């Protein structure tokens, strides 16, 4: 039973949160979208690369108070850079866990705004 608990943990913490970022990375031409499955910073790195920003910006997510501004900025810049409506920003700010899935799987394939690792 212990092995089942570990498997469930791995799926819930690593695989499921990484899928939308992986899809976004693939569709935007990020060089290494598979890094979205690295626990903690992987999905954020791929999102930053998909909008042509440095992966080092992910460190802002760990600074108290600054992280709130960073997440709001990211929710605004991602749809803008990908050529999507500003309404996506509202959804990403208020319902990010759900909206990111719809965002990823409705995003067109394109390379504008993509960066390499």
PDB file of N, CA and C in Angstrom:
ATOM      1  N   UNK A   1       0.817  -1.196   0.000  1.00  0.00           N
ATOM      2  CA  UNK A   1       0.000   0.000   0.000  1.00  0.00           C
ATOM      3  C   UNK A   1       0.862   1.262   0.000  1.00  0.00           C
ATOM      4  N   UNK A   2       2.061   1.172   0.602  1.00  0.00           N
ATOM      5  CA  UNK A   2       2.959   2.318   0.649  1.00  0.00           C
ATOM      6  C   UNK A   2       3.385   2.751  -0.748  1.00  0.00           C
ATOM      7  N   UNK A   3       3.659   1.800  -1.644  1.00  0.00           N
ATOM      8  CA  UNK A   3       4.070   2.107  -3.010  1.00  0.00           C
ATOM      9  C   UNK A   3       2.961   2.827  -3.766  1.00  0.00           C
ATOM     10  N   UNK A   4       1.721   2.464  -3.509  1.00  0.00           N
ATOM     11  CA  UNK A   4       0.599   3.132  -4.151  1.00  0.00           C
ATOM     12  C   UNK A   4       0.521   4.587  -3.708  1.00  0.00           C
ATOM     13  N   UNK A   5       0.770   4.841  -2.433  1.00  0.00           N
ATOM     14  CA  UNK A   5       0.773   6.209  -1.921  1.00  0.00           C
ATOM     15  C   UNK A   5       1.852   7.063  -2.570  1.00  0.00           C
ATOM     16  N   UNK A   6       3.029   6.474  -2.771  1.00  0.00           N
ATOM     17  CA  UNK A   6       4.123   7.197  -3.432  1.00  0.00           C
ATOM     18  C   UNK A   6       3.758   7.493  -4.882  1.00  0.00           C
ATOM     19  N   UNK A   7       3.172   6.540  -5.563  1.00  0.00           N
ATOM     20  CA  UNK A   7       2.769   6.723  -6.949  1.00  0.00           C
ATOM     21  C   UNK A   7       1.718   7.829  -7.066  1.00  0.00           C
ATOM     22  N   UNK A   8       0.743   7.818  -6.193  1.00  0.00           N
ATOM     23  CA  UNK A   8      -0.293   8.856  -6.202  1.00  0.00           C
ATOM     24  C   UNK A   8       0.328  10.224  -5.943  1.00  0.00           C
ATOM     25  N   UNK A   9       1.264  10.290  -5.010  1.00  0.00           N
ATOM     26  CA  UNK A   9       1.956  11.538  -4.708  1.00  0.00           C
ATOM     27  C   UNK A   9       2.708  12.053  -5.937  1.00  0.00           C
ATOM     28  N   UNK A  10       3.435  11.172  -6.601  1.00  0.00           N
ATOM     29  CA  UNK A  10       4.199  11.570  -7.780  1.00  0.00           C
ATOM     30  C   UNK A  10       3.290  12.113  -8.881  1.00  0.00           C
ATOM     31  N   UNK A  11       2.175  11.457  -9.083  1.00  0.00           N
ATOM     32  CA  UNK A  11       1.246  11.898 -10.122  1.00  0.00           C
ATOM     33  C   UNK A  11       0.647  13.251  -9.759  1.00  0.00           C
ATOM     34  N   UNK A  12       0.218  13.422  -8.512  1.00  0.00           N
ATOM     35  CA  UNK A  12      -0.438  14.660  -8.093  1.00  0.00           C
ATOM     36  C   UNK A  12       0.514  15.848  -8.007  1.00  0.00           C
ATOM     37  N   UNK A  13       1.753  15.614  -7.629  1.00  0.00           N
ATOM     38  CA  UNK A  13       2.687  16.713  -7.387  1.00  0.00           C
ATOM     39  C   UNK A  13       3.579  17.010  -8.590  1.00  0.00           C
ATOM     40  N   UNK A  14       3.905  16.023  -9.385  1.00  0.00           N
ATOM     41  CA  UNK A  14       4.855  16.238 -10.480  1.00  0.00           C
ATOM     42  C   UNK A  14       4.176  16.204 -11.842  1.00  0.00           C
ATOM     43  N   UNK A  15       3.452  15.162 -12.131  1.00  0.00           N
ATOM     44  CA  UNK A  15       2.922  14.968 -13.480  1.00  0.00           C
ATOM     45  C   UNK A  15       1.781  15.926 -13.796  1.00  0.00           C
ATOM     46  N   UNK A  16       0.751  15.941 -12.984  1.00  0.00           N
ATOM     47  CA  UNK A  16      -0.439  16.740 -13.298  1.00  0.00           C
ATOM     48  C   UNK A  16      -0.139  18.239 -13.402  1.00  0.00           C
ATOM     49  N   UNK A  17       0.604  18.849 -12.463  1.00  0.00           N
ATOM     50  CA  UNK A  17       0.896  20.286 -12.623  1.00  0.00           C
ATOM     51  C   UNK A  17       1.800  20.592 -13.818  1.00  0.00           C
ATOM     52  N   UNK A  18       2.597  19.657 -14.262  1.00  0.00           N
ATOM     53  CA  UNK A  18       3.510  19.909 -15.366  1.00  0.00           C
ATOM     54  C   UNK A  18       2.892  19.814 -16.743  1.00  0.00           C
ATOM     55  N   UNK A  19       1.772  19.132 -16.870  1.00  0.00           N
ATOM     56  CA  UNK A  19       1.176  18.896 -18.192  1.00  0.00           C
ATOM     57  C   UNK A  19       0.816  20.190 -18.933  1.00  0.00           C
ATOM     58  N   UNK A  20       0.081  21.140 -18.322  1.00  0.00           N
ATOM     59  CA  UNK A  20      -0.242  22.354 -19.082  1.00  0.00           C
ATOM     60  C   UNK A  20       0.998  23.141 -19.521  1.00  0.00           C
ATOM     61  N   UNK A  21       1.982  23.251 -18.653  1.00  0.00           N
ATOM     62  CA  UNK A  21       3.203  23.977 -19.019  1.00  0.00           C
ATOM     63  C   UNK A  21       3.959  23.242 -20.120  1.00  0.00           C
ATOM     64  N   UNK A  22       3.963  21.927 -20.065  1.00  0.00           N
ATOM     65  CA  UNK A  22       4.611  21.131 -21.110  1.00  0.00           C
ATOM     66  C   UNK A  22       3.941  21.390 -22.457  1.00  0.00           C
ATOM     67  N   UNK A  23       2.621  21.386 -22.481  1.00  0.00           N
ATOM     68  CA  UNK A  23       1.875  21.613 -23.729  1.00  0.00           C
ATOM     69  C   UNK A  23       2.139  23.021 -24.250  1.00  0.00           C
ATOM     70  N   UNK A  24       2.125  24.010 -23.363  1.00  0.00           N
ATOM     71  CA  UNK A  24       2.413  25.387 -23.773  1.00  0.00           C
ATOM     72  C   UNK A  24       3.830  25.470 -24.341  1.00  0.00           C
ATOM     73  N   UNK A  25       4.778  24.857 -23.648  1.00  0.00           N
ATOM     74  CA  UNK A  25       6.159  24.863 -24.119  1.00  0.00           C
ATOM     75  C   UNK A  25       6.316  24.218 -25.485  1.00  0.00           C
ATOM     76  N   UNK A  26       5.636  23.110 -25.688  1.00  0.00           N
ATOM     77  CA  UNK A  26       5.695  22.426 -26.987  1.00  0.00           C
ATOM     78  C   UNK A  26       5.104  23.290 -28.090  1.00  0.00           C
ATOM     79  N   UNK A  27       3.955  23.877 -27.805  1.00  0.00           N
ATOM     80  CA  UNK A  27       3.262  24.658 -28.823  1.00  0.00           C
ATOM     81  C   UNK A  27       3.948  25.983 -29.122  1.00  0.00           C
ATOM     82  N   UNK A  28       4.749  26.489 -28.206  1.00  0.00           N
ATOM     83  CA  UNK A  28       5.448  27.756 -28.423  1.00  0.00           C
ATOM     84  C   UNK A  28       6.902  27.563 -28.811  1.00  0.00           C
ATOM     85  N   UNK A  29       7.336  26.331 -28.988  1.00  0.00           N
ATOM     86  CA  UNK A  29       8.677  26.074 -29.487  1.00  0.00           C
ATOM     87  C   UNK A  29       9.780  26.194 -28.455  1.00  0.00           C
ATOM     88  N   UNK A  30       9.456  25.990 -27.190  1.00  0.00           N
ATOM     89  CA  UNK A  30      10.491  26.005 -26.152  1.00  0.00           C
ATOM     90  C   UNK A  30      11.399  24.804 -26.389  1.00  0.00           C
ATOM     91  N   UNK A  31      12.682  25.022 -26.268  1.00  0.00           N
ATOM     92  CA  UNK A  31      13.666  23.989 -26.588  1.00  0.00           C
ATOM     93  C   UNK A  31      13.538  22.748 -25.701  1.00  0.00           C
ATOM     94  N   UNK A  32      13.253  22.923 -24.427  1.00  0.00           N
ATOM     95  CA  UNK A  32      13.169  21.788 -23.492  1.00  0.00           C
ATOM     96  C   UNK A  32      11.871  21.840 -22.690  1.00  0.00           C
ATOM     97  N   UNK A  33      10.732  21.558 -23.323  1.00  0.00           N
ATOM     98  CA  UNK A  33       9.462  21.622 -22.592  1.00  0.00           C
ATOM     99  C   UNK A  33       9.332  20.539 -21.526  1.00  0.00           C
ATOM    100  N   UNK A  34      10.109  19.464 -21.631  1.00  0.00           N
ATOM    101  CA  UNK A  34      10.056  18.390 -20.647  1.00  0.00           C
ATOM    102  C   UNK A  34      10.476  18.820 -19.254  1.00  0.00           C
ATOM    103  N   UNK A  35      11.158  19.957 -19.157  1.00  0.00           N
ATOM    104  CA  UNK A  35      11.523  20.474 -17.830  1.00  0.00           C
ATOM    105  C   UNK A  35      10.305  20.897 -17.023  1.00  0.00           C
ATOM    106  N   UNK A  36       9.150  20.950 -17.663  1.00  0.00           N
ATOM    107  CA  UNK A  36       7.920  21.282 -16.943  1.00  0.00           C
ATOM    108  C   UNK A  36       7.601  20.253 -15.865  1.00  0.00           C
ATOM    109  N   UNK A  37       8.210  19.078 -15.955  1.00  0.00           N
ATOM    110  CA  UNK A  37       7.947  18.026 -14.972  1.00  0.00           C
ATOM    111  C   UNK A  37       8.946  18.021 -13.820  1.00  0.00           C
ATOM    112  N   UNK A  38       9.824  19.020 -13.781  1.00  0.00           N
ATOM    113  CA  UNK A  38      10.731  19.166 -12.632  1.00  0.00           C
ATOM    114  C   UNK A  38       9.918  19.768 -11.493  1.00  0.00           C
ATOM    115  N   UNK A  39       9.884  19.122 -10.336  1.00  0.00           N
ATOM    116  CA  UNK A  39       9.051  19.621  -9.234  1.00  0.00           C
ATOM    117  C   UNK A  39       9.429  21.043  -8.809  1.00  0.00           C
ATOM    118  N   UNK A  40       8.433  21.821  -8.506  1.00  0.00           N
ATOM    119  CA  UNK A  40       8.651  23.162  -7.988  1.00  0.00           C
ATOM    120  C   UNK A  40       8.768  24.226  -9.057  1.00  0.00           C
ATOM    121  N   UNK A  41       9.882  24.299  -9.732  1.00  0.00           N
ATOM    122  CA  UNK A  41      10.133  25.393 -10.659  1.00  0.00           C
ATOM    123  C   UNK A  41       9.950  25.030 -12.130  1.00  0.00           C
ATOM    124  N   UNK A  42       9.821  23.776 -12.453  1.00  0.00           N
ATOM    125  CA  UNK A  42       9.743  23.346 -13.845  1.00  0.00           C
ATOM    126  C   UNK A  42       8.639  24.008 -14.650  1.00  0.00           C
ATOM    127  N   UNK A  43       7.387  23.944 -14.188  1.00  0.00           N
ATOM    128  CA  UNK A  43       6.318  24.579 -14.963  1.00  0.00           C
ATOM    129  C   UNK A  43       6.531  26.078 -15.143  1.00  0.00           C
ATOM    130  N   UNK A  44       7.040  26.717 -14.113  1.00  0.00           N
ATOM    131  CA  UNK A  44       7.287  28.156 -14.179  1.00  0.00           C
ATOM    132  C   UNK A  44       8.402  28.488 -15.173  1.00  0.00           C
ATOM    133  N   UNK A  45       9.456  27.691 -15.186  1.00  0.00           N
ATOM    134  CA  UNK A  45      10.549  27.899 -16.142  1.00  0.00           C
ATOM    135  C   UNK A  45      10.039  27.831 -17.579  1.00  0.00           C
ATOM    136  N   UNK A  46       9.254  26.825 -17.867  1.00  0.00           N
ATOM    137  CA  UNK A  46       8.750  26.646 -19.231  1.00  0.00           C
ATOM    138  C   UNK A  46       7.836  27.803 -19.622  1.00  0.00           C
ATOM    139  N   UNK A  47       6.996  28.270 -18.696  1.00  0.00           N
ATOM    140  CA  UNK A  47       6.143  29.426 -18.991  1.00  0.00           C
ATOM    141  C   UNK A  47       6.972  30.670 -19.274  1.00  0.00           C
ATOM    142  N   UNK A  48       8.001  30.896 -18.469  1.00  0.00           N
ATOM    143  CA  UNK A  48       8.861  32.059 -18.692  1.00  0.00           C
ATOM    144  C   UNK A  48       9.566  31.962 -20.042  1.00  0.00           C
ATOM    145  N   UNK A  49      10.076  30.796 -20.385  1.00  0.00           N
ATOM    146  CA  UNK A  49      10.735  30.621 -21.676  1.00  0.00           C
ATOM    147  C   UNK A  49       9.761  30.788 -22.833  1.00  0.00           C
ATOM    148  N   UNK A  50       8.503  30.407 -22.627  1.00  0.00           N
ATOM    149  CA  UNK A  50       7.514  30.523 -23.707  1.00  0.00           C
ATOM    150  C   UNK A  50       7.199  31.976 -24.040  1.00  0.00           C
ATOM    151  N   UNK A  51       7.467  32.881 -23.104  1.00  0.00           N
ATOM    152  CA  UNK A  51       7.244  34.299 -23.360  1.00  0.00           C
ATOM    153  C   UNK A  51       8.561  35.042 -23.583  1.00  0.00           C
ATOM    154  N   UNK A  52       9.644  34.290 -23.736  1.00  0.00           N
ATOM    155  CA  UNK A  52      10.925  34.885 -24.067  1.00  0.00           C
ATOM    156  C   UNK A  52      11.631  35.559 -22.902  1.00  0.00           C
ATOM    157  N   UNK A  53      11.336  35.142 -21.686  1.00  0.00           N
ATOM    158  CA  UNK A  53      11.988  35.721 -20.502  1.00  0.00           C
ATOM    159  C   UNK A  53      12.987  34.736 -19.916  1.00  0.00           C
ATOM    160  N   UNK A  54      13.886  35.245 -19.112  1.00  0.00           N
ATOM    161  CA  UNK A  54      14.909  34.427 -18.478  1.00  0.00           C
ATOM    162  C   UNK A  54      14.304  33.538 -17.401  1.00  0.00           C
ATOM    163  N   UNK A  55      14.810  32.324 -17.312  1.00  0.00           N
ATOM    164  CA  UNK A  55      14.373  31.403 -16.273  1.00  0.00           C
ATOM    165  C   UNK A  55      14.729  31.868 -14.879  1.00  0.00           C
ATOM    166  N   UNK A  56      15.701  32.769 -14.777  1.00  0.00           N
ATOM    167  CA  UNK A  56      16.102  33.284 -13.469  1.00  0.00           C
ATOM    168  C   UNK A  56      14.986  34.063 -12.792  1.00  0.00           C
ATOM    169  N   UNK A  57      14.031  34.546 -13.567  1.00  0.00           N
ATOM    170  CA  UNK A  57      12.909  35.267 -12.978  1.00  0.00           C
ATOM    171  C   UNK A  57      12.074  34.386 -12.050  1.00  0.00           C
ATOM    172  N   UNK A  58      12.188  33.072 -12.182  1.00  0.00           N
ATOM    173  CA  UNK A  58      11.412  32.175 -11.323  1.00  0.00           C
ATOM    174  C   UNK A  58      11.792  32.345  -9.852  1.00  0.00           C
ATOM    175  N   UNK A  59      12.967  32.893  -9.587  1.00  0.00           N
ATOM    176  CA  UNK A  59      13.372  33.134  -8.196  1.00  0.00           C
ATOM    177  C   UNK A  59      12.459  34.146  -7.507  1.00  0.00           C
ATOM    178  N   UNK A  60      11.827  35.016  -8.280  1.00  0.00           N
ATOM    179  CA  UNK A  60      10.905  35.991  -7.701  1.00  0.00           C
ATOM    180  C   UNK A  60       9.687  35.326  -7.067  1.00  0.00           C
ATOM    181  N   UNK A  61       9.371  34.124  -7.507  1.00  0.00           N
ATOM    182  CA  UNK A  61       8.224  33.401  -6.952  1.00  0.00           C
ATOM    183  C   UNK A  61       8.458  32.983  -5.506  1.00  0.00           C
ATOM    184  N   UNK A  62       9.698  33.057  -5.047  1.00  0.00           N
ATOM    185  CA  UNK A  62      10.023  32.635  -3.685  1.00  0.00           C
ATOM    186  C   UNK A  62      10.264  33.809  -2.736  1.00  0.00           C
ATOM    187  N   UNK A  63      10.103  35.036  -3.226  1.00  0.00           N
ATOM    188  CA  UNK A  63      10.299  36.225  -2.399  1.00  0.00           C
ATOM    189  C   UNK A  63       8.931  36.684  -1.893  1.00  0.00           C
ATOM    190  N   UNK A  64       8.739  36.711  -0.573  1.00  0.00           N
ATOM    191  CA  UNK A  64       7.437  37.132  -0.035  1.00  0.00           C
ATOM    192  C   UNK A  64       7.032  38.515  -0.548  1.00  0.00           C
ATOM    193  N   UNK A  65       5.774  38.708  -0.774  1.00  0.00           N
ATOM    194  CA  UNK A  65       5.126  39.910  -1.281  1.00  0.00           C
ATOM    195  C   UNK A  65       5.474  40.147  -2.751  1.00  0.00           C
ATOM    196  N   UNK A  66       6.728  40.061  -3.110  1.00  0.00           N
ATOM    197  CA  UNK A  66       7.134  40.212  -4.512  1.00  0.00           C
ATOM    198  C   UNK A  66       6.483  39.114  -5.349  1.00  0.00           C
ATOM    199  N   UNK A  67       6.309  37.932  -4.758  1.00  0.00           N
ATOM    200  CA  UNK A  67       5.742  36.819  -5.515  1.00  0.00           C
ATOM    201  C   UNK A  67       4.315  37.105  -5.983  1.00  0.00           C
ATOM    202  N   UNK A  68       3.552  37.855  -5.208  1.00  0.00           N
ATOM    203  CA  UNK A  68       2.186  38.188  -5.622  1.00  0.00           C
ATOM    204  C   UNK A  68       2.207  39.048  -6.880  1.00  0.00           C
ATOM    205  N   UNK A  69       3.052  40.063  -6.870  1.00  0.00           N
ATOM    206  CA  UNK A  69       3.196  40.927  -8.047  1.00  0.00           C
ATOM    207  C   UNK A  69       3.731  40.127  -9.237  1.00  0.00           C
ATOM    208  N   UNK A  70       4.675  39.241  -8.983  1.00  0.00           N
ATOM    209  CA  UNK A  70       5.250  38.416 -10.046  1.00  0.00           C
ATOM    210  C   UNK A  70       4.187  37.538 -10.699  1.00  0.00           C
ATOM    211  N   UNK A  71       3.353  36.867  -9.896  1.00  0.00           N
ATOM    212  CA  UNK A  71       2.332  35.981 -10.457  1.00  0.00           C
ATOM    213  C   UNK A  71       1.288  36.755 -11.257  1.00  0.00           C
ATOM    214  N   UNK A  72       0.929  37.959 -10.777  1.00  0.00           N
ATOM    215  CA  UNK A  72      -0.026  38.788 -11.524  1.00  0.00           C
ATOM    216  C   UNK A  72       0.598  39.230 -12.843  1.00  0.00           C
ATOM    217  N   UNK A  73       1.874  39.659 -12.793  1.00  0.00           N
ATOM    218  CA  UNK A  73       2.575  40.052 -14.015  1.00  0.00           C
ATOM    219  C   UNK A  73       2.618  38.892 -15.003  1.00  0.00           C
ATOM    220  N   UNK A  74       2.927  37.696 -14.506  1.00  0.00           N
ATOM    221  CA  UNK A  74       3.014  36.528 -15.375  1.00  0.00           C
ATOM    222  C   UNK A  74       1.656  36.209 -16.007  1.00  0.00           C
ATOM    223  N   UNK A  75       0.591  36.324 -15.222  1.00  0.00           N
ATOM    224  CA  UNK A  75      -0.753  36.054 -15.738  1.00  0.00           C
ATOM    225  C   UNK A  75      -1.152  37.066 -16.811  1.00  0.00           C
ATOM    226  N   UNK A  76      -0.587  38.250 -16.767  1.00  0.00           N
ATOM    227  CA  UNK A  76      -0.884  39.268 -17.779  1.00  0.00           C
ATOM    228  C   UNK A  76       0.014  39.098 -19.005  1.00  0.00           C
ATOM    229  N   UNK A  77       1.286  38.842 -18.790  1.00  0.00           N
ATOM    230  CA  UNK A  77       2.250  38.797 -19.892  1.00  0.00           C
ATOM    231  C   UNK A  77       2.119  37.538 -20.758  1.00  0.00           C
ATOM    232  N   UNK A  78       1.740  36.424 -20.170  1.00  0.00           N
ATOM    233  CA  UNK A  78       1.648  35.174 -20.945  1.00  0.00           C
ATOM    234  C   UNK A  78       0.614  35.297 -22.068  1.00  0.00           C
ATOM    235  N   UNK A  79      -0.640  35.660 -21.782  1.00  0.00           N
ATOM    236  CA  UNK A  79      -1.599  35.782 -22.893  1.00  0.00           C
ATOM    237  C   UNK A  79      -1.221  36.883 -23.894  1.00  0.00           C
ATOM    238  N   UNK A  80      -0.681  38.005 -23.399  1.00  0.00           N
ATOM    239  CA  UNK A  80      -0.282  39.083 -24.311  1.00  0.00           C
ATOM    240  C   UNK A  80       0.773  38.603 -25.295  1.00  0.00           C
ATOM    241  N   UNK A  81       1.786  37.925 -24.789  1.00  0.00           N
ATOM    242  CA  UNK A  81       2.882  37.467 -25.632  1.00  0.00           C
ATOM    243  C   UNK A  81       2.428  36.384 -26.604  1.00  0.00           C
ATOM    244  N   UNK A  82       1.481  35.576 -26.192  1.00  0.00           N
ATOM    245  CA  UNK A  82       0.982  34.497 -27.052  1.00  0.00           C
ATOM    246  C   UNK A  82      -0.113  34.973 -28.000  1.00  0.00           C
ATOM    247  N   UNK A  83      -0.424  36.273 -27.969  1.00  0.00           N
ATOM    248  CA  UNK A  83      -1.421  36.825 -28.876  1.00  0.00           C
ATOM    249  C   UNK A  83      -2.841  36.451 -28.525  1.00  0.00           C
ATOM    250  N   UNK A  84      -3.126  36.313 -27.248  1.00  0.00           N
ATOM    251  CA  UNK A  84      -4.466  35.912 -26.807  1.00  0.00           C
ATOM    252  C   UNK A  84      -5.177  37.075 -26.143  1.00  0.00           C
ATOM    253  N   UNK A  85      -6.451  36.923 -25.917  1.00  0.00           N
ATOM    254  CA  UNK A  85      -7.288  37.945 -25.312  1.00  0.00           C
ATOM    255  C   UNK A  85      -6.875  38.236 -23.869  1.00  0.00           C
ATOM    256  N   UNK A  86      -7.126  39.457 -23.439  1.00  0.00           N
ATOM    257  CA  UNK A  86      -6.844  39.848 -22.061  1.00  0.00           C
ATOM    258  C   UNK A  86      -7.727  39.137 -21.049  1.00  0.00           C
ATOM    259  N   UNK A  87      -8.824  38.566 -21.509  1.00  0.00           N
ATOM    260  CA  UNK A  87      -9.701  37.823 -20.599  1.00  0.00           C
ATOM    261  C   UNK A  87      -9.003  36.598 -20.031  1.00  0.00           C
ATOM    262  N   UNK A  88      -8.041  36.069 -20.761  1.00  0.00           N
ATOM    263  CA  UNK A  88      -7.270  34.933 -20.238  1.00  0.00           C
ATOM    264  C   UNK A  88      -6.524  35.350 -18.980  1.00  0.00           C
ATOM    265  N   UNK A  89      -6.058  36.599 -18.929  1.00  0.00           N
ATOM    266  CA  UNK A  89      -5.342  37.089 -17.748  1.00  0.00           C
ATOM    267  C   UNK A  89      -6.237  37.059 -16.520  1.00  0.00           C
ATOM    268  N   UNK A  90      -7.473  37.477 -16.689  1.00  0.00           N
ATOM    269  CA  UNK A  90      -8.420  37.463 -15.567  1.00  0.00           C
ATOM    270  C   UNK A  90      -8.601  36.040 -15.060  1.00  0.00           C
ATOM    271  N   UNK A  91      -8.789  35.109 -15.977  1.00  0.00           N
ATOM    272  CA  UNK A  91      -8.949  33.709 -15.589  1.00  0.00           C
ATOM    273  C   UNK A  91      -7.712  33.149 -14.919  1.00  0.00           C
ATOM    274  N   UNK A  92      -6.539  33.509 -15.454  1.00  0.00           N
ATOM    275  CA  UNK A  92      -5.295  32.996 -14.871  1.00  0.00           C
ATOM    276  C   UNK A  92      -5.026  33.582 -13.491  1.00  0.00           C
ATOM    277  N   UNK A  93      -5.500  34.785 -13.234  1.00  0.00           N
ATOM    278  CA  UNK A  93      -5.309  35.381 -11.912  1.00  0.00           C
ATOM    279  C   UNK A  93      -6.239  34.748 -10.883  1.00  0.00           C
ATOM    280  N   UNK A  94      -7.502  34.572 -11.246  1.00  0.00           N
ATOM    281  CA  UNK A  94      -8.484  34.134 -10.257  1.00  0.00           C
ATOM    282  C   UNK A  94      -8.737  32.628 -10.214  1.00  0.00           C
ATOM    283  N   UNK A  95      -8.555  31.940 -11.312  1.00  0.00           N
ATOM    284  CA  UNK A  95      -8.822  30.493 -11.359  1.00  0.00           C
ATOM    285  C   UNK A  95      -7.677  29.771 -12.061  1.00  0.00           C
ATOM    286  N   UNK A  96      -6.460  30.093 -11.698  1.00  0.00           N
ATOM    287  CA  UNK A  96      -5.304  29.640 -12.461  1.00  0.00           C
ATOM    288  C   UNK A  96      -5.190  28.126 -12.593  1.00  0.00           C
ATOM    289  N   UNK A  97      -5.525  27.376 -11.562  1.00  0.00           N
ATOM    290  CA  UNK A  97      -5.355  25.925 -11.603  1.00  0.00           C
ATOM    291  C   UNK A  97      -6.254  25.295 -12.665  1.00  0.00           C
ATOM    292  N   UNK A  98      -7.421  25.854 -12.870  1.00  0.00           N
ATOM    293  CA  UNK A  98      -8.359  25.320 -13.863  1.00  0.00           C
ATOM    294  C   UNK A  98      -8.101  25.927 -15.236  1.00  0.00           C
ATOM    295  N   UNK A  99      -7.961  27.242 -15.283  1.00  0.00           N
ATOM    296  CA  UNK A  99      -7.856  27.966 -16.548  1.00  0.00           C
ATOM    297  C   UNK A  99      -6.584  27.599 -17.308  1.00  0.00           C
ATOM    298  N   UNK A 100      -5.488  27.311 -16.612  1.00  0.00           N
ATOM    299  CA  UNK A 100      -4.235  26.969 -17.292  1.00  0.00           C
ATOM    300  C   UNK A 100      -4.396  25.740 -18.183  1.00  0.00           C
ATOM    301  N   UNK A 101      -5.254  24.812 -17.782  1.00  0.00           N
ATOM    302  CA  UNK A 101      -5.507  23.621 -18.608  1.00  0.00           C
ATOM    303  C   UNK A 101      -6.214  24.006 -19.905  1.00  0.00           C
ATOM    304  N   UNK A 102      -7.265  24.829 -19.808  1.00  0.00           N
ATOM    305  CA  UNK A 102      -7.975  25.272 -21.010  1.00  0.00           C
ATOM    306  C   UNK A 102      -7.061  26.114 -21.882  1.00  0.00           C
ATOM    307  N   UNK A 103      -6.280  26.972 -21.250  1.00  0.00           N
ATOM    308  CA  UNK A 103      -5.348  27.832 -21.981  1.00  0.00           C
ATOM    309  C   UNK A 103      -4.364  26.992 -22.795  1.00  0.00           C
ATOM    310  N   UNK A 104      -3.771  26.012 -22.154  1.00  0.00           N
ATOM    311  CA  UNK A 104      -2.743  25.193 -22.807  1.00  0.00           C
ATOM    312  C   UNK A 104      -3.300  24.423 -23.996  1.00  0.00           C
ATOM    313  N   UNK A 105      -4.448  23.811 -23.810  1.00  0.00           N
ATOM    314  CA  UNK A 105      -4.961  22.935 -24.862  1.00  0.00           C
ATOM    315  C   UNK A 105      -5.732  23.673 -25.951  1.00  0.00           C
ATOM    316  N   UNK A 106      -5.934  24.986 -25.793  1.00  0.00           N
ATOM    317  CA  UNK A 106      -6.553  25.769 -26.857  1.00  0.00           C
ATOM    318  C   UNK A 106      -5.548  26.700 -27.528  1.00  0.00           C
ATOM    319  N   UNK A 107      -4.299  26.664 -27.089  1.00  0.00           N
ATOM    320  CA  UNK A 107      -3.256  27.526 -27.635  1.00  0.00           C
ATOM    321  C   UNK A 107      -2.812  27.005 -28.998  1.00  0.00           C
ATOM    322  N   UNK A 108      -2.729  27.914 -29.962  1.00  0.00           N
ATOM    323  CA  UNK A 108      -2.265  27.550 -31.301  1.00  0.00           C
ATOM    324  C   UNK A 108      -0.769  27.282 -31.277  1.00  0.00           C
ATOM    325  N   UNK A 109      -0.322  26.466 -32.204  1.00  0.00           N
ATOM    326  CA  UNK A 109       1.102  26.218 -32.367  1.00  0.00           C
ATOM    327  C   UNK A 109       1.726  27.431 -33.032  1.00  0.00           C
ATOM    328  N   UNK A 110       2.829  27.870 -32.486  1.00  0.00           N
ATOM    329  CA  UNK A 110       3.539  29.026 -33.044  1.00  0.00           C
ATOM    330  C   UNK A 110       4.823  29.232 -32.309  1.00  0.00           C
ATOM    331  N   UNK A 111       5.737  29.960 -32.885  1.00  0.00           N
ATOM    332  CA  UNK A 111       7.024  30.141 -32.248  1.00  0.00           C
ATOM    333  C   UNK A 111       7.276  31.553 -31.786  1.00  0.00           C
ATOM    334  N   UNK A 112       6.349  32.509 -32.075  1.00  0.00           N
ATOM    335  CA  UNK A 112       6.588  33.866 -31.630  1.00  0.00           C
ATOM    336  C   UNK A 112       6.580  33.929 -30.112  1.00  0.00           C
ATOM    337  N   UNK A 113       7.534  34.610 -29.555  1.00  0.00           N
ATOM    338  CA  UNK A 113       7.647  34.729 -28.113  1.00  0.00           C
ATOM    339  C   UNK A 113       8.395  33.589 -27.463  1.00  0.00           C
ATOM    340  N   UNK A 114       8.770  32.584 -28.215  1.00  0.00           N
ATOM    341  CA  UNK A 114       9.441  31.443 -27.611  1.00  0.00           C
ATOM    342  C   UNK A 114      10.921  31.731 -27.446  1.00  0.00           C
ATOM    343  N   UNK A 115      11.474  31.128 -26.447  1.00  0.00           N
ATOM    344  CA  UNK A 115      12.912  31.285 -26.172  1.00  0.00           C
ATOM    345  C   UNK A 115      13.514  29.907 -25.961  1.00  0.00           C
ATOM    346  N   UNK A 116      14.795  29.856 -26.027  1.00  0.00           N
ATOM    347  CA  UNK A 116      15.474  28.601 -25.767  1.00  0.00           C
ATOM    348  C   UNK A 116      15.993  28.588 -24.347  1.00  0.00           C
ATOM    349  N   UNK A 117      16.254  27.402 -23.861  1.00  0.00           N
ATOM    350  CA  UNK A 117      16.765  27.283 -22.494  1.00  0.00           C
ATOM    351  C   UNK A 117      18.174  27.758 -22.502  1.00  0.00           C
TER     352      UNK A 117
END
